[in-house]
Amino acid sequence: MDYKHEDYGRDVTITLKSSAPGYRDAYGVWHDGRKPEYVATGRKLSSRQSEFFKAGAAGLAATCSVIIAASEYDGETEAVVDGVPMTVYRTFDMGDEIQLYLAERKGS
């Protein structure tokens, strides 16, 4: 998907998914299977040129980043933004917020 410049800096809904085979709930109880999807609201930003190089070194194509409340992120590795499946390839902790760096996923 080609993003237009005006798409950036706007509020977006991001669906976070985990690819882990199990998870602990809020009470510390282990559950087999994937953690349920979580929907958060964040601010979408464009990727800087340096991010294209970092993602490219990992075989990914950097698309954008999304800033969400740090309390809403629990290590999920998959996301969907604007209907596009993406991989969280890097994060940046900003205190109360966290910046998720995303690359568009190819294939299934």
PDB file of N, CA and C in Angstrom:
ATOM      1  N   MET A   1       0.853  -1.179   0.000  1.00  0.00           N
ATOM      2  CA  MET A   1       0.000   0.000   0.000  1.00  0.00           C
ATOM      3  C   MET A   1       0.892   1.232   0.000  1.00  0.00           C
ATOM      4  N   ASP A   2       0.595   2.174  -0.841  1.00  0.00           N
ATOM      5  CA  ASP A   2       1.344   3.422  -0.887  1.00  0.00           C
ATOM      6  C   ASP A   2       0.654   4.431   0.019  1.00  0.00           C
ATOM      7  N   TYR A   3       1.427   4.958   0.980  1.00  0.00           N
ATOM      8  CA  TYR A   3       0.883   5.955   1.891  1.00  0.00           C
ATOM      9  C   TYR A   3       1.172   7.339   1.357  1.00  0.00           C
ATOM     10  N   LYS A   4       0.215   8.228   1.486  1.00  0.00           N
ATOM     11  CA  LYS A   4       0.400   9.608   1.079  1.00  0.00           C
ATOM     12  C   LYS A   4       0.949  10.391   2.267  1.00  0.00           C
ATOM     13  N   HIS A   5       1.677  11.461   1.975  1.00  0.00           N
ATOM     14  CA  HIS A   5       2.285  12.272   3.023  1.00  0.00           C
ATOM     15  C   HIS A   5       1.245  12.744   4.038  1.00  0.00           C
ATOM     16  N   GLU A   6       0.049  13.097   3.579  1.00  0.00           N
ATOM     17  CA  GLU A   6      -0.967  13.618   4.494  1.00  0.00           C
ATOM     18  C   GLU A   6      -1.533  12.536   5.427  1.00  0.00           C
ATOM     19  N   ASP A   7      -1.213  11.261   5.167  1.00  0.00           N
ATOM     20  CA  ASP A   7      -1.651  10.182   6.051  1.00  0.00           C
ATOM     21  C   ASP A   7      -0.914  10.204   7.386  1.00  0.00           C
ATOM     22  N   TYR A   8       0.244  10.833   7.431  1.00  0.00           N
ATOM     23  CA  TYR A   8       1.086  10.778   8.621  1.00  0.00           C
ATOM     24  C   TYR A   8       0.745  11.875   9.618  1.00  0.00           C
ATOM     25  N   GLY A   9       0.987  11.595  10.901  1.00  0.00           N
ATOM     26  CA  GLY A   9       0.688  12.538  11.956  1.00  0.00           C
ATOM     27  C   GLY A   9      -0.769  12.515  12.380  1.00  0.00           C
ATOM     28  N   ARG A  10      -1.527  11.573  11.860  1.00  0.00           N
ATOM     29  CA  ARG A  10      -2.951  11.501  12.197  1.00  0.00           C
ATOM     30  C   ARG A  10      -3.190  10.360  13.184  1.00  0.00           C
ATOM     31  N   ASP A  11      -4.325  10.409  13.842  1.00  0.00           N
ATOM     32  CA  ASP A  11      -4.697   9.334  14.753  1.00  0.00           C
ATOM     33  C   ASP A  11      -5.102   8.111  13.947  1.00  0.00           C
ATOM     34  N   VAL A  12      -4.661   6.938  14.393  1.00  0.00           N
ATOM     35  CA  VAL A  12      -5.003   5.680  13.735  1.00  0.00           C
ATOM     36  C   VAL A  12      -5.376   4.653  14.792  1.00  0.00           C
ATOM     37  N   THR A  13      -6.087   3.646  14.347  1.00  0.00           N
ATOM     38  CA  THR A  13      -6.378   2.495  15.185  1.00  0.00           C
ATOM     39  C   THR A  13      -5.413   1.401  14.777  1.00  0.00           C
ATOM     40  N   ILE A  14      -4.756   0.796  15.747  1.00  0.00           N
ATOM     41  CA  ILE A  14      -3.791  -0.264  15.484  1.00  0.00           C
ATOM     42  C   ILE A  14      -4.239  -1.514  16.237  1.00  0.00           C
ATOM     43  N   THR A  15      -4.305  -2.620  15.519  1.00  0.00           N
ATOM     44  CA  THR A  15      -4.638  -3.896  16.136  1.00  0.00           C
ATOM     45  C   THR A  15      -3.334  -4.632  16.385  1.00  0.00           C
ATOM     46  N   LEU A  16      -3.063  -4.969  17.646  1.00  0.00           N
ATOM     47  CA  LEU A  16      -1.827  -5.648  18.018  1.00  0.00           C
ATOM     48  C   LEU A  16      -2.095  -7.134  18.217  1.00  0.00           C
ATOM     49  N   LYS A  17      -1.190  -7.959  17.680  1.00  0.00           N
ATOM     50  CA  LYS A  17      -1.330  -9.405  17.786  1.00  0.00           C
ATOM     51  C   LYS A  17       0.003  -9.993  18.236  1.00  0.00           C
ATOM     52  N   SER A  18      -0.064 -11.073  18.957  1.00  0.00           N
ATOM     53  CA  SER A  18       1.144 -11.770  19.386  1.00  0.00           C
ATOM     54  C   SER A  18       1.298 -13.054  18.587  1.00  0.00           C
ATOM     55  N   SER A  19       2.531 -13.410  18.269  1.00  0.00           N
ATOM     56  CA  SER A  19       2.780 -14.671  17.569  1.00  0.00           C
ATOM     57  C   SER A  19       3.297 -15.738  18.532  1.00  0.00           C
ATOM     58  N   ALA A  20       3.374 -15.410  19.815  1.00  0.00           N
ATOM     59  CA  ALA A  20       3.859 -16.351  20.827  1.00  0.00           C
ATOM     60  C   ALA A  20       2.852 -17.493  21.011  1.00  0.00           C
ATOM     61  N   PRO A  21       3.335 -18.687  21.366  1.00  0.00           N
ATOM     62  CA  PRO A  21       2.451 -19.846  21.525  1.00  0.00           C
ATOM     63  C   PRO A  21       1.638 -19.845  22.816  1.00  0.00           C
ATOM     64  N   GLY A  22       1.843 -18.875  23.671  1.00  0.00           N
ATOM     65  CA  GLY A  22       1.096 -18.794  24.917  1.00  0.00           C
ATOM     66  C   GLY A  22       1.335 -17.445  25.577  1.00  0.00           C
ATOM     67  N   TYR A  23       0.620 -17.161  26.654  1.00  0.00           N
ATOM     68  CA  TYR A  23       0.763 -15.871  27.330  1.00  0.00           C
ATOM     69  C   TYR A  23       0.279 -15.968  28.776  1.00  0.00           C
ATOM     70  N   ARG A  24       0.702 -15.012  29.598  1.00  0.00           N
ATOM     71  CA  ARG A  24       0.219 -14.889  30.977  1.00  0.00           C
ATOM     72  C   ARG A  24      -0.801 -13.760  31.021  1.00  0.00           C
ATOM     73  N   ASP A  25      -1.912 -14.021  31.698  1.00  0.00           N
ATOM     74  CA  ASP A  25      -2.925 -12.978  31.811  1.00  0.00           C
ATOM     75  C   ASP A  25      -2.558 -12.017  32.941  1.00  0.00           C
ATOM     76  N   ALA A  26      -3.439 -11.077  33.239  1.00  0.00           N
ATOM     77  CA  ALA A  26      -3.180 -10.056  34.263  1.00  0.00           C
ATOM     78  C   ALA A  26      -2.977 -10.653  35.653  1.00  0.00           C
ATOM     79  N   TYR A  27      -3.441 -11.904  35.853  1.00  0.00           N
ATOM     80  CA  TYR A  27      -3.316 -12.563  37.152  1.00  0.00           C
ATOM     81  C   TYR A  27      -2.105 -13.493  37.196  1.00  0.00           C
ATOM     82  N   GLY A  28      -1.317 -13.535  36.118  1.00  0.00           N
ATOM     83  CA  GLY A  28      -0.137 -14.378  36.077  1.00  0.00           C
ATOM     84  C   GLY A  28      -0.412 -15.816  35.675  1.00  0.00           C
ATOM     85  N   VAL A  29      -1.633 -16.111  35.245  1.00  0.00           N
ATOM     86  CA  VAL A  29      -2.006 -17.471  34.856  1.00  0.00           C
ATOM     87  C   VAL A  29      -1.599 -17.698  33.396  1.00  0.00           C
ATOM     88  N   TRP A  30      -0.905 -18.817  33.140  1.00  0.00           N
ATOM     89  CA  TRP A  30      -0.455 -19.147  31.787  1.00  0.00           C
ATOM     90  C   TRP A  30      -1.604 -19.717  30.960  1.00  0.00           C
ATOM     91  N   HIS A  31      -1.719 -19.274  29.718  1.00  0.00           N
ATOM     92  CA  HIS A  31      -2.723 -19.775  28.782  1.00  0.00           C
ATOM     93  C   HIS A  31      -2.019 -20.248  27.519  1.00  0.00           C
ATOM     94  N   ASP A  32      -2.355 -21.459  27.058  1.00  0.00           N
ATOM     95  CA  ASP A  32      -1.836 -21.933  25.777  1.00  0.00           C
ATOM     96  C   ASP A  32      -2.583 -21.219  24.668  1.00  0.00           C
ATOM     97  N   GLY A  33      -1.955 -21.093  23.523  1.00  0.00           N
ATOM     98  CA  GLY A  33      -2.583 -20.424  22.381  1.00  0.00           C
ATOM     99  C   GLY A  33      -2.186 -18.970  22.310  1.00  0.00           C
ATOM    100  N   ARG A  34      -2.619 -18.334  21.266  1.00  0.00           N
ATOM    101  CA  ARG A  34      -2.262 -16.939  21.041  1.00  0.00           C
ATOM    102  C   ARG A  34      -3.048 -16.003  21.947  1.00  0.00           C
ATOM    103  N   LYS A  35      -2.403 -14.938  22.354  1.00  0.00           N
ATOM    104  CA  LYS A  35      -3.047 -13.899  23.142  1.00  0.00           C
ATOM    105  C   LYS A  35      -4.107 -13.213  22.282  1.00  0.00           C
ATOM    106  N   PRO A  36      -5.252 -12.859  22.856  1.00  0.00           N
ATOM    107  CA  PRO A  36      -6.288 -12.183  22.065  1.00  0.00           C
ATOM    108  C   PRO A  36      -5.756 -10.868  21.471  1.00  0.00           C
ATOM    109  N   GLU A  37      -6.289 -10.504  20.318  1.00  0.00           N
ATOM    110  CA  GLU A  37      -5.901  -9.243  19.685  1.00  0.00           C
ATOM    111  C   GLU A  37      -6.269  -8.079  20.596  1.00  0.00           C
ATOM    112  N   TYR A  38      -5.528  -6.998  20.470  1.00  0.00           N
ATOM    113  CA  TYR A  38      -5.777  -5.811  21.266  1.00  0.00           C
ATOM    114  C   TYR A  38      -5.818  -4.609  20.335  1.00  0.00           C
ATOM    115  N   VAL A  39      -6.811  -3.768  20.476  1.00  0.00           N
ATOM    116  CA  VAL A  39      -6.939  -2.578  19.628  1.00  0.00           C
ATOM    117  C   VAL A  39      -6.578  -1.345  20.441  1.00  0.00           C
ATOM    118  N   ALA A  40      -5.676  -0.529  19.892  1.00  0.00           N
ATOM    119  CA  ALA A  40      -5.238   0.704  20.549  1.00  0.00           C
ATOM    120  C   ALA A  40      -5.344   1.852  19.556  1.00  0.00           C
ATOM    121  N   THR A  41      -5.365   3.061  20.078  1.00  0.00           N
ATOM    122  CA  THR A  41      -5.355   4.253  19.242  1.00  0.00           C
ATOM    123  C   THR A  41      -3.997   4.908  19.395  1.00  0.00           C
ATOM    124  N   GLY A  42      -3.437   5.331  18.276  1.00  0.00           N
ATOM    125  CA  GLY A  42      -2.121   5.959  18.315  1.00  0.00           C
ATOM    126  C   GLY A  42      -1.980   7.028  17.263  1.00  0.00           C
ATOM    127  N   ARG A  43      -0.773   7.555  17.174  1.00  0.00           N
ATOM    128  CA  ARG A  43      -0.449   8.602  16.215  1.00  0.00           C
ATOM    129  C   ARG A  43       0.539   8.020  15.203  1.00  0.00           C
ATOM    130  N   LYS A  44       0.198   8.075  13.946  1.00  0.00           N
ATOM    131  CA  LYS A  44       1.007   7.492  12.872  1.00  0.00           C
ATOM    132  C   LYS A  44       2.035   8.503  12.385  1.00  0.00           C
ATOM    133  N   LEU A  45       3.287   8.045  12.261  1.00  0.00           N
ATOM    134  CA  LEU A  45       4.378   8.889  11.773  1.00  0.00           C
ATOM    135  C   LEU A  45       5.064   8.211  10.591  1.00  0.00           C
ATOM    136  N   SER A  46       5.670   8.996   9.745  1.00  0.00           N
ATOM    137  CA  SER A  46       6.422   8.413   8.629  1.00  0.00           C
ATOM    138  C   SER A  46       7.765   7.900   9.138  1.00  0.00           C
ATOM    139  N   SER A  47       8.354   6.986   8.394  1.00  0.00           N
ATOM    140  CA  SER A  47       9.667   6.458   8.741  1.00  0.00           C
ATOM    141  C   SER A  47      10.749   7.350   8.159  1.00  0.00           C
ATOM    142  N   ARG A  48      11.794   7.551   8.932  1.00  0.00           N
ATOM    143  CA  ARG A  48      12.941   8.319   8.438  1.00  0.00           C
ATOM    144  C   ARG A  48      13.765   7.433   7.522  1.00  0.00           C
ATOM    145  N   GLN A  49      14.612   8.039   6.741  1.00  0.00           N
ATOM    146  CA  GLN A  49      15.435   7.294   5.800  1.00  0.00           C
ATOM    147  C   GLN A  49      16.299   6.263   6.520  1.00  0.00           C
ATOM    148  N   SER A  50      16.815   6.610   7.695  1.00  0.00           N
ATOM    149  CA  SER A  50      17.659   5.673   8.438  1.00  0.00           C
ATOM    150  C   SER A  50      16.891   4.405   8.811  1.00  0.00           C
ATOM    151  N   GLU A  51      15.563   4.547   9.022  1.00  0.00           N
ATOM    152  CA  GLU A  51      14.751   3.372   9.352  1.00  0.00           C
ATOM    153  C   GLU A  51      14.640   2.419   8.162  1.00  0.00           C
ATOM    154  N   PHE A  52      14.625   2.961   6.957  1.00  0.00           N
ATOM    155  CA  PHE A  52      14.573   2.095   5.778  1.00  0.00           C
ATOM    156  C   PHE A  52      15.816   1.221   5.713  1.00  0.00           C
ATOM    157  N   PHE A  53      16.965   1.799   6.085  1.00  0.00           N
ATOM    158  CA  PHE A  53      18.215   1.035   6.067  1.00  0.00           C
ATOM    159  C   PHE A  53      18.230  -0.013   7.176  1.00  0.00           C
ATOM    160  N   LYS A  54      17.786   0.357   8.383  1.00  0.00           N
ATOM    161  CA  LYS A  54      17.748  -0.591   9.500  1.00  0.00           C
ATOM    162  C   LYS A  54      16.815  -1.752   9.200  1.00  0.00           C
ATOM    163  N   ALA A  55      15.638  -1.441   8.697  1.00  0.00           N
ATOM    164  CA  ALA A  55      14.665  -2.489   8.371  1.00  0.00           C
ATOM    165  C   ALA A  55      15.176  -3.330   7.207  1.00  0.00           C
ATOM    166  N   GLY A  56      15.775  -2.685   6.220  1.00  0.00           N
ATOM    167  CA  GLY A  56      16.302  -3.397   5.065  1.00  0.00           C
ATOM    168  C   GLY A  56      17.362  -4.402   5.442  1.00  0.00           C
ATOM    169  N   ALA A  57      18.169  -4.079   6.456  1.00  0.00           N
ATOM    170  CA  ALA A  57      19.202  -4.999   6.925  1.00  0.00           C
ATOM    171  C   ALA A  57      18.583  -6.259   7.509  1.00  0.00           C
ATOM    172  N   ALA A  58      17.343  -6.156   7.980  1.00  0.00           N
ATOM    173  CA  ALA A  58      16.631  -7.310   8.536  1.00  0.00           C
ATOM    174  C   ALA A  58      15.724  -7.955   7.495  1.00  0.00           C
ATOM    175  N   GLY A  59      15.818  -7.495   6.237  1.00  0.00           N
ATOM    176  CA  GLY A  59      14.991  -8.063   5.184  1.00  0.00           C
ATOM    177  C   GLY A  59      13.561  -7.560   5.185  1.00  0.00           C
ATOM    178  N   LEU A  60      13.319  -6.402   5.789  1.00  0.00           N
ATOM    179  CA  LEU A  60      11.978  -5.826   5.876  1.00  0.00           C
ATOM    180  C   LEU A  60      11.913  -4.497   5.138  1.00  0.00           C
ATOM    181  N   ALA A  61      10.731  -4.060   4.823  1.00  0.00           N
ATOM    182  CA  ALA A  61      10.522  -2.766   4.179  1.00  0.00           C
ATOM    183  C   ALA A  61       9.789  -1.854   5.160  1.00  0.00           C
ATOM    184  N   ALA A  62      10.518  -0.934   5.783  1.00  0.00           N
ATOM    185  CA  ALA A  62       9.914  -0.025   6.758  1.00  0.00           C
ATOM    186  C   ALA A  62       8.771   0.737   6.128  1.00  0.00           C
ATOM    187  N   THR A  63       7.665   0.839   6.847  1.00  0.00           N
ATOM    188  CA  THR A  63       6.493   1.523   6.327  1.00  0.00           C
ATOM    189  C   THR A  63       6.199   2.789   7.119  1.00  0.00           C
ATOM    190  N   CYS A  64       6.082   2.657   8.450  1.00  0.00           N
ATOM    191  CA  CYS A  64       5.733   3.790   9.290  1.00  0.00           C
ATOM    192  C   CYS A  64       6.034   3.430  10.740  1.00  0.00           C
ATOM    193  N   SER A  65       5.731   4.361  11.625  1.00  0.00           N
ATOM    194  CA  SER A  65       5.768   4.056  13.052  1.00  0.00           C
ATOM    195  C   SER A  65       4.491   4.608  13.663  1.00  0.00           C
ATOM    196  N   VAL A  66       4.114   4.026  14.795  1.00  0.00           N
ATOM    197  CA  VAL A  66       2.913   4.459  15.504  1.00  0.00           C
ATOM    198  C   VAL A  66       3.276   4.629  16.972  1.00  0.00           C
ATOM    199  N   ILE A  67       2.877   5.748  17.544  1.00  0.00           N
ATOM    200  CA  ILE A  67       3.108   6.007  18.963  1.00  0.00           C
ATOM    201  C   ILE A  67       1.813   5.709  19.705  1.00  0.00           C
ATOM    202  N   ILE A  68       1.910   4.829  20.717  1.00  0.00           N
ATOM    203  CA  ILE A  68       0.756   4.489  21.547  1.00  0.00           C
ATOM    204  C   ILE A  68       1.160   4.608  23.010  1.00  0.00           C
ATOM    205  N   ALA A  69       0.190   4.531  23.901  1.00  0.00           N
ATOM    206  CA  ALA A  69       0.476   4.528  25.334  1.00  0.00           C
ATOM    207  C   ALA A  69       1.286   3.275  25.667  1.00  0.00           C
ATOM    208  N   ALA A  70       2.333   3.425  26.444  1.00  0.00           N
ATOM    209  CA  ALA A  70       3.196   2.296  26.796  1.00  0.00           C
ATOM    210  C   ALA A  70       2.410   1.196  27.502  1.00  0.00           C
ATOM    211  N   SER A  71       1.396   1.571  28.249  1.00  0.00           N
ATOM    212  CA  SER A  71       0.600   0.580  28.981  1.00  0.00           C
ATOM    213  C   SER A  71      -0.216  -0.313  28.050  1.00  0.00           C
ATOM    214  N   GLU A  72      -0.366   0.074  26.786  1.00  0.00           N
ATOM    215  CA  GLU A  72      -1.153  -0.708  25.834  1.00  0.00           C
ATOM    216  C   GLU A  72      -0.314  -1.707  25.046  1.00  0.00           C
ATOM    217  N   TYR A  73       1.000  -1.671  25.223  1.00  0.00           N
ATOM    218  CA  TYR A  73       1.876  -2.571  24.466  1.00  0.00           C
ATOM    219  C   TYR A  73       2.455  -3.627  25.390  1.00  0.00           C
ATOM    220  N   ASP A  74       2.367  -4.878  24.950  1.00  0.00           N
ATOM    221  CA  ASP A  74       2.851  -5.992  25.772  1.00  0.00           C
ATOM    222  C   ASP A  74       3.731  -6.934  24.945  1.00  0.00           C
ATOM    223  N   GLY A  75       4.594  -6.364  24.107  1.00  0.00           N
ATOM    224  CA  GLY A  75       5.533  -7.168  23.353  1.00  0.00           C
ATOM    225  C   GLY A  75       4.969  -7.820  22.102  1.00  0.00           C
ATOM    226  N   GLU A  76       3.807  -7.396  21.639  1.00  0.00           N
ATOM    227  CA  GLU A  76       3.219  -7.980  20.438  1.00  0.00           C
ATOM    228  C   GLU A  76       4.161  -7.787  19.242  1.00  0.00           C
ATOM    229  N   THR A  77       4.159  -8.744  18.330  1.00  0.00           N
ATOM    230  CA  THR A  77       5.065  -8.715  17.189  1.00  0.00           C
ATOM    231  C   THR A  77       4.359  -8.465  15.871  1.00  0.00           C
ATOM    232  N   GLU A  78       3.051  -8.494  15.879  1.00  0.00           N
ATOM    233  CA  GLU A  78       2.269  -8.290  14.661  1.00  0.00           C
ATOM    234  C   GLU A  78       1.271  -7.169  14.898  1.00  0.00           C
ATOM    235  N   ALA A  79       0.958  -6.443  13.827  1.00  0.00           N
ATOM    236  CA  ALA A  79       0.006  -5.343  13.927  1.00  0.00           C
ATOM    237  C   ALA A  79      -0.747  -5.195  12.611  1.00  0.00           C
ATOM    238  N   VAL A  80      -1.887  -4.541  12.689  1.00  0.00           N
ATOM    239  CA  VAL A  80      -2.643  -4.190  11.490  1.00  0.00           C
ATOM    240  C   VAL A  80      -2.969  -2.698  11.613  1.00  0.00           C
ATOM    241  N   VAL A  81      -2.542  -1.921  10.605  1.00  0.00           N
ATOM    242  CA  VAL A  81      -2.805  -0.486  10.562  1.00  0.00           C
ATOM    243  C   VAL A  81      -3.461  -0.185   9.221  1.00  0.00           C
ATOM    244  N   ASP A  82      -4.599   0.472   9.260  1.00  0.00           N
ATOM    245  CA  ASP A  82      -5.332   0.793   8.024  1.00  0.00           C
ATOM    246  C   ASP A  82      -5.579  -0.451   7.176  1.00  0.00           C
ATOM    247  N   GLY A  83      -5.823  -1.585   7.822  1.00  0.00           N
ATOM    248  CA  GLY A  83      -6.109  -2.826   7.105  1.00  0.00           C
ATOM    249  C   GLY A  83      -4.887  -3.529   6.540  1.00  0.00           C
ATOM    250  N   VAL A  84      -3.699  -2.992   6.794  1.00  0.00           N
ATOM    251  CA  VAL A  84      -2.465  -3.561   6.258  1.00  0.00           C
ATOM    252  C   VAL A  84      -1.740  -4.342   7.357  1.00  0.00           C
ATOM    253  N   PRO A  85      -1.474  -5.658   7.143  1.00  0.00           N
ATOM    254  CA  PRO A  85      -0.731  -6.428   8.134  1.00  0.00           C
ATOM    255  C   PRO A  85       0.733  -5.991   8.167  1.00  0.00           C
ATOM    256  N   MET A  86       1.252  -5.806   9.367  1.00  0.00           N
ATOM    257  CA  MET A  86       2.624  -5.328   9.547  1.00  0.00           C
ATOM    258  C   MET A  86       3.324  -6.106  10.641  1.00  0.00           C
ATOM    259  N   THR A  87       4.650  -6.003  10.641  1.00  0.00           N
ATOM    260  CA  THR A  87       5.491  -6.603  11.665  1.00  0.00           C
ATOM    261  C   THR A  87       6.085  -5.484  12.511  1.00  0.00           C
ATOM    262  N   VAL A  88       6.064  -5.644  13.831  1.00  0.00           N
ATOM    263  CA  VAL A  88       6.742  -4.705  14.724  1.00  0.00           C
ATOM    264  C   VAL A  88       8.195  -5.171  14.769  1.00  0.00           C
ATOM    265  N   TYR A  89       9.098  -4.418  14.136  1.00  0.00           N
ATOM    266  CA  TYR A  89      10.492  -4.854  14.081  1.00  0.00           C
ATOM    267  C   TYR A  89      11.389  -4.135  15.074  1.00  0.00           C
ATOM    268  N   ARG A  90      10.871  -3.067  15.699  1.00  0.00           N
ATOM    269  CA  ARG A  90      11.662  -2.330  16.678  1.00  0.00           C
ATOM    270  C   ARG A  90      10.722  -1.463  17.493  1.00  0.00           C
ATOM    271  N   THR A  91      11.101  -1.180  18.734  1.00  0.00           N
ATOM    272  CA  THR A  91      10.323  -0.274  19.577  1.00  0.00           C
ATOM    273  C   THR A  91      11.259   0.760  20.198  1.00  0.00           C
ATOM    274  N   PHE A  92      10.680   1.886  20.612  1.00  0.00           N
ATOM    275  CA  PHE A  92      11.438   2.917  21.309  1.00  0.00           C
ATOM    276  C   PHE A  92      10.599   3.393  22.480  1.00  0.00           C
ATOM    277  N   ASP A  93      11.091   3.145  23.689  1.00  0.00           N
ATOM    278  CA  ASP A  93      10.389   3.514  24.917  1.00  0.00           C
ATOM    279  C   ASP A  93      10.542   5.016  25.149  1.00  0.00           C
ATOM    280  N   MET A  94       9.411   5.690  25.298  1.00  0.00           N
ATOM    281  CA  MET A  94       9.390   7.141  25.504  1.00  0.00           C
ATOM    282  C   MET A  94       8.747   7.491  26.843  1.00  0.00           C
ATOM    283  N   GLY A  95       8.866   6.612  27.821  1.00  0.00           N
ATOM    284  CA  GLY A  95       8.248   6.855  29.120  1.00  0.00           C
ATOM    285  C   GLY A  95       6.809   6.383  29.126  1.00  0.00           C
ATOM    286  N   ASP A  96       5.867   7.319  29.103  1.00  0.00           N
ATOM    287  CA  ASP A  96       4.438   6.979  29.101  1.00  0.00           C
ATOM    288  C   ASP A  96       3.965   6.468  27.744  1.00  0.00           C
ATOM    289  N   GLU A  97       4.774   6.690  26.715  1.00  0.00           N
ATOM    290  CA  GLU A  97       4.423   6.239  25.368  1.00  0.00           C
ATOM    291  C   GLU A  97       5.517   5.327  24.828  1.00  0.00           C
ATOM    292  N   ILE A  98       5.169   4.592  23.782  1.00  0.00           N
ATOM    293  CA  ILE A  98       6.139   3.745  23.104  1.00  0.00           C
ATOM    294  C   ILE A  98       5.926   3.902  21.607  1.00  0.00           C
ATOM    295  N   GLN A  99       7.026   3.976  20.883  1.00  0.00           N
ATOM    296  CA  GLN A  99       6.961   4.102  19.431  1.00  0.00           C
ATOM    297  C   GLN A  99       7.228   2.735  18.817  1.00  0.00           C
ATOM    298  N   LEU A 100       6.281   2.258  18.022  1.00  0.00           N
ATOM    299  CA  LEU A 100       6.392   0.970  17.352  1.00  0.00           C
ATOM    300  C   LEU A 100       6.806   1.212  15.908  1.00  0.00           C
ATOM    301  N   TYR A 101       7.930   0.627  15.497  1.00  0.00           N
ATOM    302  CA  TYR A 101       8.395   0.735  14.130  1.00  0.00           C
ATOM    303  C   TYR A 101       7.844  -0.447  13.359  1.00  0.00           C
ATOM    304  N   LEU A 102       7.175  -0.164  12.245  1.00  0.00           N
ATOM    305  CA  LEU A 102       6.421  -1.184  11.530  1.00  0.00           C
ATOM    306  C   LEU A 102       6.899  -1.366  10.092  1.00  0.00           C
ATOM    307  N   ALA A 103       6.883  -2.607   9.658  1.00  0.00           N
ATOM    308  CA  ALA A 103       7.205  -2.948   8.269  1.00  0.00           C
ATOM    309  C   ALA A 103       6.036  -3.735   7.711  1.00  0.00           C
ATOM    310  N   GLU A 104       5.664  -3.426   6.472  1.00  0.00           N
ATOM    311  CA  GLU A 104       4.571  -4.133   5.841  1.00  0.00           C
ATOM    312  C   GLU A 104       4.963  -5.576   5.624  1.00  0.00           C
ATOM    313  N   ARG A 105       4.054  -6.493   5.976  1.00  0.00           N
ATOM    314  CA  ARG A 105       4.314  -7.919   5.811  1.00  0.00           C
ATOM    315  C   ARG A 105       3.943  -8.343   4.415  1.00  0.00           C
ATOM    316  N   LYS A 106       4.765  -9.187   3.854  1.00  0.00           N
ATOM    317  CA  LYS A 106       4.489  -9.738   2.529  1.00  0.00           C
ATOM    318  C   LYS A 106       4.052 -11.185   2.704  1.00  0.00           C
ATOM    319  N   GLY A 107       3.157 -11.650   1.861  1.00  0.00           N
ATOM    320  CA  GLY A 107       2.696 -13.040   1.945  1.00  0.00           C
ATOM    321  C   GLY A 107       1.651 -13.205   3.009  1.00  0.00           C
ATOM    322  N   SER A 108       1.529 -14.447   3.530  1.00  0.00           N
ATOM    323  CA  SER A 108       0.466 -14.746   4.482  1.00  0.00           C
ATOM    324  C   SER A 108       0.762 -14.316   5.868  1.00  0.00           C
TER     325      SER A 108
END
